[in-house]
Amino acid sequence: MTRQPPATPAEREAIRTLVAQSKTAKEIAAITGRSDKSIVYIVRTFKLGPWLGRSSHTQTTEHIPTDFAQRWRTSSQADLAKHYERSGSTISLWTKRMGLVRSTAARLHSVPKPKPVPKSLNKPFRMHGGHKPPETVVYRDMGPVGLAVEYLRKLSAVSRCREDGRLDPAGMFWRRGSKTLTDQDVVALADEIRAREQRMAA
């Protein structure tokens, strides 16, 4: 496949305008003469989103509220689930069907940072007067993504990685087996497996 030239500042501004008009990657590609993947890369690299980044929103959306896309841009998944009185997996499904993709910057703000471990816990403990050593404190991510990852790790290995699947503790994606998952994918997968187990147990 021919490597496309870098986007010029003028072209990036044009793409930013099209993104603001809720154009999909396919529609923007047709207008600019670039490939879908090139448009997705430019939007994420230069933080031109959030946007309707894929053409998959053309799939059946008859059960999705008409204001969902607009509210999605300013609300978290938990807020959307509470507002529409739906489960997290349903919100993830609606998001996927409409092709809603958050920019890298938006994902950075949505991922909770792990709490630093106090320096005192890293120092070797010395026994004085027969006192027992203090118990080790373990910090857990109790958010939707953290709980979903913790659940999936009971079934198989789940690790942080980059978008291309390479393992990276500071990556913004998750790797499970050969699949690279977003935060939304992880939550949806955990919900799906839980629901399947509940059906089998019934």
Protein backbone atom coordinates (compact mmCIF):
# COMPACT_ATOMS: atom_id res chain seq x y z
CA MET A 1 0.00 0.00 0.00
CA THR A 2 1.38 3.43 -0.99
CA ARG A 3 2.49 5.52 1.97
CA GLN A 4 0.48 8.73 2.07
CA PRO A 5 2.21 12.09 2.68
CA PRO A 6 1.91 13.78 6.11
CA ALA A 7 -1.08 16.03 6.62
CA THR A 8 -0.35 19.73 6.19
CA PRO A 9 -1.61 22.26 8.79
CA ALA A 10 -4.28 23.43 6.35
CA GLU A 11 -5.41 19.85 5.72
CA ARG A 12 -5.55 19.15 9.48
CA GLU A 13 -7.79 22.19 10.00
CA ALA A 14 -10.05 21.01 7.19
CA ILE A 15 -10.29 17.58 8.80
CA ARG A 16 -10.96 19.17 12.21
CA THR A 17 -13.90 21.06 10.66
CA LEU A 18 -15.29 17.87 9.11
CA VAL A 19 -14.92 16.03 12.43
CA ALA A 20 -16.88 18.80 14.16
CA GLN A 21 -19.63 18.19 11.59
CA SER A 22 -19.80 14.54 12.75
CA LYS A 23 -18.41 13.22 9.47
CA THR A 24 -17.15 9.63 9.55
CA ALA A 25 -13.65 8.52 8.57
CA LYS A 26 -15.06 7.11 5.32
CA GLU A 27 -16.80 10.39 4.47
CA ILE A 28 -13.73 12.48 5.31
CA ALA A 29 -11.53 10.11 3.29
CA ALA A 30 -13.76 10.58 0.25
CA ILE A 31 -13.55 14.36 0.60
CA THR A 32 -9.79 14.58 1.21
CA GLY A 33 -8.66 11.74 -1.03
CA ARG A 34 -7.00 9.87 1.84
CA SER A 35 -7.64 6.37 3.16
CA ASP A 36 -9.93 5.65 6.13
CA LYS A 37 -6.96 4.50 8.24
CA SER A 38 -5.01 7.65 7.39
CA ILE A 39 -7.92 9.82 8.57
CA VAL A 40 -8.22 7.86 11.84
CA TYR A 41 -4.45 8.21 12.42
CA ILE A 42 -4.48 11.97 11.77
CA VAL A 43 -7.48 12.58 14.07
CA ARG A 44 -5.93 10.62 16.93
CA THR A 45 -2.38 11.94 16.48
CA PHE A 46 -3.37 15.62 16.32
CA LYS A 47 -6.26 15.24 18.80
CA LEU A 48 -8.98 16.38 16.42
CA GLY A 49 -11.72 14.25 18.09
CA PRO A 50 -13.87 13.02 19.72
CA TRP A 51 -15.84 12.17 16.63
CA LEU A 52 -17.81 9.58 14.64
CA GLY A 53 -14.59 7.90 13.56
CA ARG A 54 -15.98 4.83 11.78
CA SER A 55 -18.71 4.16 9.29
CA SER A 56 -20.20 1.41 11.47
CA HIS A 57 -22.84 3.87 12.73
CA THR A 58 -24.77 2.91 9.59
CA GLN A 59 -25.69 -0.35 11.27
CA THR A 60 -29.11 -0.70 12.88
CA THR A 61 -29.60 2.06 15.47
CA GLU A 62 -33.37 1.98 15.88
CA HIS A 63 -33.11 1.27 19.63
CA ILE A 64 -30.47 3.95 20.30
CA PRO A 65 -31.73 7.31 21.68
CA THR A 66 -31.50 10.13 19.15
CA ASP A 67 -29.46 12.31 21.53
CA PHE A 68 -27.00 9.56 22.45
CA ALA A 69 -24.11 10.71 20.21
CA GLN A 70 -24.37 14.31 21.45
CA ARG A 71 -24.54 13.32 25.13
CA TRP A 72 -21.71 10.77 24.65
CA ARG A 73 -19.28 13.57 23.79
CA THR A 74 -19.56 15.13 27.27
CA SER A 75 -20.44 12.16 29.50
CA SER A 76 -18.63 9.12 30.86
CA GLN A 77 -19.90 5.61 30.29
CA ALA A 78 -21.12 5.43 33.90
CA ASP A 79 -23.04 8.70 33.50
CA LEU A 80 -24.61 7.47 30.26
CA ALA A 81 -25.66 4.19 31.87
CA LYS A 82 -27.29 6.09 34.74
CA HIS A 83 -29.00 8.60 32.46
CA TYR A 84 -30.48 6.01 30.08
CA GLU A 85 -30.98 3.42 32.83
CA ARG A 86 -29.02 0.81 30.90
CA SER A 87 -26.08 -1.47 31.73
CA GLY A 88 -22.48 -0.64 30.85
CA SER A 89 -22.50 -3.36 28.18
CA THR A 90 -25.54 -1.77 26.51
CA ILE A 91 -23.83 1.63 26.44
CA SER A 92 -20.72 -0.02 24.95
CA LEU A 93 -22.87 -1.72 22.30
CA TRP A 94 -24.57 1.55 21.37
CA THR A 95 -21.16 3.25 21.20
CA LYS A 96 -19.80 0.51 18.94
CA ARG A 97 -22.86 0.49 16.65
CA MET A 98 -22.64 4.25 16.14
CA GLY A 99 -18.88 4.11 15.58
CA LEU A 100 -18.13 6.62 18.34
CA VAL A 101 -14.38 6.85 18.97
CA ARG A 102 -12.74 9.03 21.61
CA SER A 103 -9.48 10.79 20.82
CA THR A 104 -6.25 9.81 22.58
CA ALA A 105 -6.51 12.89 24.79
CA ALA A 106 -10.03 11.93 25.91
CA ARG A 107 -8.89 8.42 26.79
CA LEU A 108 -5.98 9.81 28.80
CA HIS A 109 -8.44 11.74 30.97
CA SER A 110 -10.79 8.75 31.31
CA VAL A 111 -8.18 6.29 32.61
CA PRO A 112 -7.67 6.66 36.38
CA LYS A 113 -4.04 6.99 37.40
CA PRO A 114 -2.82 4.40 39.91
CA LYS A 115 -2.20 5.76 43.39
CA PRO A 116 1.49 5.99 44.32
CA VAL A 117 2.71 3.56 46.95
CA PRO A 118 3.92 5.39 50.10
CA LYS A 119 7.71 5.47 50.35
CA SER A 120 7.51 3.98 53.84
CA LEU A 121 6.20 0.72 52.37
CA ASN A 122 9.28 0.39 50.15
CA LYS A 123 11.71 0.49 53.11
CA PRO A 124 12.84 -2.79 54.72
CA PHE A 125 11.12 -3.35 58.05
CA ARG A 126 13.28 -3.95 61.12
CA MET A 127 11.96 -5.82 64.12
CA HIS A 128 12.01 -3.84 67.37
CA GLY A 129 10.67 -5.13 70.64
CA GLY A 130 9.03 -8.18 69.06
CA HIS A 131 6.46 -6.14 67.09
CA LYS A 132 4.95 -7.75 64.01
CA PRO A 133 5.71 -6.16 60.63
CA PRO A 134 2.88 -4.02 59.20
CA GLU A 135 0.57 -5.56 56.63
CA THR A 136 1.27 -4.65 53.01
CA VAL A 137 -1.27 -2.23 51.59
CA VAL A 138 -2.51 -3.08 48.09
CA TYR A 139 -4.21 -0.38 46.05
CA ARG A 140 -6.99 -1.47 43.69
CA ASP A 141 -8.59 0.37 40.81
CA MET A 142 -12.27 0.21 41.81
CA GLY A 143 -13.52 1.93 38.64
CA PRO A 144 -15.47 0.07 35.91
CA VAL A 145 -12.34 -0.61 33.86
CA GLY A 146 -10.24 -1.72 36.84
CA LEU A 147 -12.92 -4.13 38.07
CA ALA A 148 -13.42 -5.51 34.57
CA VAL A 149 -9.68 -6.15 34.15
CA GLU A 150 -9.49 -7.78 37.57
CA TYR A 151 -12.36 -10.11 36.63
CA LEU A 152 -10.85 -11.03 33.24
CA ARG A 153 -7.46 -11.75 34.85
CA LYS A 154 -9.13 -14.55 36.79
CA LEU A 155 -9.75 -16.23 33.44
CA SER A 156 -6.61 -15.34 31.46
CA ALA A 157 -3.74 -12.85 31.31
CA VAL A 158 -4.64 -9.21 30.62
CA SER A 159 -1.85 -6.63 30.24
CA ARG A 160 -1.42 -3.00 29.29
CA CYS A 161 -0.20 -2.48 25.73
CA ARG A 162 0.07 -0.01 22.89
CA GLU A 163 -2.45 0.30 20.06
CA ASP A 164 -0.33 -2.01 17.90
CA GLY A 165 -0.48 -4.75 20.59
CA ARG A 166 3.06 -4.39 21.95
CA LEU A 167 3.15 -4.76 25.73
CA ASP A 168 3.70 -1.48 27.54
CA PRO A 169 2.82 -0.84 31.23
CA ALA A 170 2.06 2.77 30.31
CA GLY A 171 0.03 1.87 27.22
CA MET A 172 -3.54 3.08 26.71
CA PHE A 173 -4.88 -0.28 25.50
CA TRP A 174 -5.25 -3.80 26.88
CA ARG A 175 -3.97 -7.08 25.46
CA ARG A 176 -5.83 -10.33 26.09
CA GLY A 177 -4.50 -13.25 24.10
CA SER A 178 -3.97 -11.97 20.56
CA LYS A 179 -6.58 -9.21 20.84
CA THR A 180 -5.96 -5.52 21.54
CA LEU A 181 -8.84 -3.97 23.51
CA THR A 182 -9.90 -0.46 24.51
CA ASP A 183 -11.26 0.38 27.97
CA GLN A 184 -14.79 0.10 26.59
CA ASP A 185 -14.01 -3.28 25.01
CA VAL A 186 -12.70 -4.61 28.34
CA VAL A 187 -15.84 -3.55 30.24
CA ALA A 188 -18.13 -4.95 27.53
CA LEU A 189 -16.23 -8.26 27.41
CA ALA A 190 -16.36 -8.69 31.19
CA ASP A 191 -20.12 -7.96 31.20
CA GLU A 192 -20.66 -10.44 28.37
CA ILE A 193 -18.77 -13.25 30.13
CA ARG A 194 -20.55 -12.58 33.45
CA ALA A 195 -23.93 -12.71 31.69
CA ARG A 196 -22.97 -15.98 29.97
CA GLU A 197 -21.92 -17.55 33.28
CA GLN A 198 -25.18 -16.46 34.90
CA ARG A 199 -27.20 -18.04 32.08
CA MET A 200 -25.27 -21.30 32.39
CA ALA A 201 -25.75 -21.33 36.17
CA ALA A 202 -29.50 -20.75 35.90
